[in-house]
Amino acid sequence: MLRDPLNKAWFALVALSGASAVVAELAIGGLDRRVVGAVVLLLALMKARVILSRYLGLAEAPSWRRGFNLVLTLFCLLLLGLYLIPALIS
């Protein structure tokens, strides 16, 4: 059952979603919200990469996958910067 790449991807997505939920709960427990936001954004990036690689078939097209990963990573860095700007200003 776990030999199929789509099943592996599905289990990875479930695990990453569970990790996001656990990290979000840690914010309620008093963990710094900036750290929680950064970790949740990183987990979202990892989920996007799994979806692009397995469900959209970019695992068979390495150059396209690298391009999408570069754009996604730059976009997530932009989002992280926008998220952290208020903390840096005050």
C-alpha atoms as a PDB file:
ATOM      1  CA  MET A   1       0.000   0.000   0.000  1.00  0.00           C
ATOM      2  CA  LEU A   2       2.822   2.440   0.782  1.00  0.00           C
ATOM      3  CA  ARG A   3       4.668   1.583  -2.414  1.00  0.00           C
ATOM      4  CA  ASP A   4       2.411   3.826  -4.491  1.00  0.00           C
ATOM      5  CA  PRO A   5       3.849   7.379  -4.669  1.00  0.00           C
ATOM      6  CA  LEU A   6       0.385   8.917  -4.382  1.00  0.00           C
ATOM      7  CA  ASN A   7      -0.306   7.038  -1.150  1.00  0.00           C
ATOM      8  CA  LYS A   8       3.060   8.157   0.224  1.00  0.00           C
ATOM      9  CA  ALA A   9       2.231  11.726  -0.761  1.00  0.00           C
ATOM     10  CA  TRP A  10      -1.175  11.488   0.883  1.00  0.00           C
ATOM     11  CA  PHE A  11       0.321  10.193   4.128  1.00  0.00           C
ATOM     12  CA  ALA A  12       2.958  12.931   4.013  1.00  0.00           C
ATOM     13  CA  LEU A  13       0.250  15.560   3.583  1.00  0.00           C
ATOM     14  CA  VAL A  14      -1.728  14.144   6.495  1.00  0.00           C
ATOM     15  CA  ALA A  15       1.392  14.122   8.685  1.00  0.00           C
ATOM     16  CA  LEU A  16       2.325  17.687   7.706  1.00  0.00           C
ATOM     17  CA  SER A  17      -1.239  18.858   8.393  1.00  0.00           C
ATOM     18  CA  GLY A  18      -1.117  17.197  11.797  1.00  0.00           C
ATOM     19  CA  ALA A  19       2.212  18.872  12.504  1.00  0.00           C
ATOM     20  CA  SER A  20       0.663  22.235  11.573  1.00  0.00           C
ATOM     21  CA  ALA A  21      -2.165  21.627  14.021  1.00  0.00           C
ATOM     22  CA  VAL A  22       0.272  20.685  16.796  1.00  0.00           C
ATOM     23  CA  VAL A  23       2.383  23.785  16.171  1.00  0.00           C
ATOM     24  CA  ALA A  24      -0.717  25.989  16.182  1.00  0.00           C
ATOM     25  CA  GLU A  25      -1.701  24.511  19.537  1.00  0.00           C
ATOM     26  CA  LEU A  26       1.744  25.408  20.874  1.00  0.00           C
ATOM     27  CA  ALA A  27       0.961  29.054  20.143  1.00  0.00           C
ATOM     28  CA  ILE A  28      -1.932  28.822  22.564  1.00  0.00           C
ATOM     29  CA  GLY A  29       0.458  27.296  25.103  1.00  0.00           C
ATOM     30  CA  GLY A  30       2.651  30.380  25.047  1.00  0.00           C
ATOM     31  CA  LEU A  31       5.191  29.746  22.291  1.00  0.00           C
ATOM     32  CA  ASP A  32       6.219  32.923  20.456  1.00  0.00           C
ATOM     33  CA  ARG A  33       3.727  33.579  17.669  1.00  0.00           C
ATOM     34  CA  ARG A  34       6.462  34.664  15.266  1.00  0.00           C
ATOM     35  CA  VAL A  35       8.122  31.267  15.595  1.00  0.00           C
ATOM     36  CA  VAL A  36       4.790  29.496  15.200  1.00  0.00           C
ATOM     37  CA  GLY A  37       3.966  31.530  12.093  1.00  0.00           C
ATOM     38  CA  ALA A  38       7.341  30.763  10.544  1.00  0.00           C
ATOM     39  CA  VAL A  39       7.012  27.025  11.245  1.00  0.00           C
ATOM     40  CA  VAL A  40       3.461  26.882   9.873  1.00  0.00           C
ATOM     41  CA  LEU A  41       4.634  28.691   6.733  1.00  0.00           C
ATOM     42  CA  LEU A  42       7.507  26.216   6.360  1.00  0.00           C
ATOM     43  CA  LEU A  43       5.107  23.290   6.721  1.00  0.00           C
ATOM     44  CA  ALA A  44       2.825  24.856   4.084  1.00  0.00           C
ATOM     45  CA  LEU A  45       5.812  25.134   1.749  1.00  0.00           C
ATOM     46  CA  MET A  46       6.607  21.469   2.304  1.00  0.00           C
ATOM     47  CA  LYS A  47       2.988  20.512   1.566  1.00  0.00           C
ATOM     48  CA  ALA A  48       3.002  22.566  -1.636  1.00  0.00           C
ATOM     49  CA  ARG A  49       6.175  20.824  -2.770  1.00  0.00           C
ATOM     50  CA  VAL A  50       4.612  17.391  -2.141  1.00  0.00           C
ATOM     51  CA  ILE A  51       1.521  18.358  -4.128  1.00  0.00           C
ATOM     52  CA  LEU A  52       3.546  19.713  -7.025  1.00  0.00           C
ATOM     53  CA  SER A  53       5.926  16.769  -7.109  1.00  0.00           C
ATOM     54  CA  ARG A  54       3.517  13.886  -6.710  1.00  0.00           C
ATOM     55  CA  TYR A  55      -0.007  14.956  -7.602  1.00  0.00           C
ATOM     56  CA  LEU A  56       0.935  17.209 -10.519  1.00  0.00           C
ATOM     57  CA  GLY A  57       3.681  14.888 -11.709  1.00  0.00           C
ATOM     58  CA  LEU A  58       6.621  17.282 -11.537  1.00  0.00           C
ATOM     59  CA  ALA A  59       8.763  14.498 -10.067  1.00  0.00           C
ATOM     60  CA  GLU A  60       9.264  13.345 -13.657  1.00  0.00           C
ATOM     61  CA  ALA A  61      10.278  16.847 -14.806  1.00  0.00           C
ATOM     62  CA  PRO A  62      13.174  17.906 -12.543  1.00  0.00           C
ATOM     63  CA  SER A  63      13.848  21.250 -14.253  1.00  0.00           C
ATOM     64  CA  TRP A  64      10.214  22.314 -13.935  1.00  0.00           C
ATOM     65  CA  ARG A  65      10.150  21.128 -10.327  1.00  0.00           C
ATOM     66  CA  ARG A  66      13.273  23.178  -9.517  1.00  0.00           C
ATOM     67  CA  GLY A  67      11.670  26.240 -11.086  1.00  0.00           C
ATOM     68  CA  PHE A  68       8.432  25.826  -9.154  1.00  0.00           C
ATOM     69  CA  ASN A  69      10.348  25.154  -5.931  1.00  0.00           C
ATOM     70  CA  LEU A  70      12.421  28.309  -6.443  1.00  0.00           C
ATOM     71  CA  VAL A  71       9.351  30.467  -7.040  1.00  0.00           C
ATOM     72  CA  LEU A  72       7.480  28.918  -4.103  1.00  0.00           C
ATOM     73  CA  THR A  73      10.443  29.376  -1.771  1.00  0.00           C
ATOM     74  CA  LEU A  74      10.911  33.011  -2.797  1.00  0.00           C
ATOM     75  CA  PHE A  75       7.195  33.629  -2.331  1.00  0.00           C
ATOM     76  CA  CYS A  76       7.270  32.053   1.134  1.00  0.00           C
ATOM     77  CA  LEU A  77      10.298  34.166   2.066  1.00  0.00           C
ATOM     78  CA  LEU A  78       8.387  37.260   0.949  1.00  0.00           C
ATOM     79  CA  LEU A  79       5.404  36.193   3.050  1.00  0.00           C
ATOM     80  CA  LEU A  80       7.654  35.527   6.028  1.00  0.00           C
ATOM     81  CA  GLY A  81       9.224  38.951   5.674  1.00  0.00           C
ATOM     82  CA  LEU A  82       5.815  40.618   5.495  1.00  0.00           C
ATOM     83  CA  TYR A  83       4.709  38.614   8.525  1.00  0.00           C
ATOM     84  CA  LEU A  84       7.755  39.638  10.579  1.00  0.00           C
ATOM     85  CA  ILE A  85       7.870  43.350   9.600  1.00  0.00           C
ATOM     86  CA  PRO A  86       5.502  44.508  12.366  1.00  0.00           C
ATOM     87  CA  ALA A  87       7.677  42.759  14.959  1.00  0.00           C
ATOM     88  CA  LEU A  88      10.791  44.463  13.623  1.00  0.00           C
ATOM     89  CA  ILE A  89       9.235  47.941  13.515  1.00  0.00           C
ATOM     90  CA  SER A  90       7.862  47.972  17.063  1.00  0.00           C
END
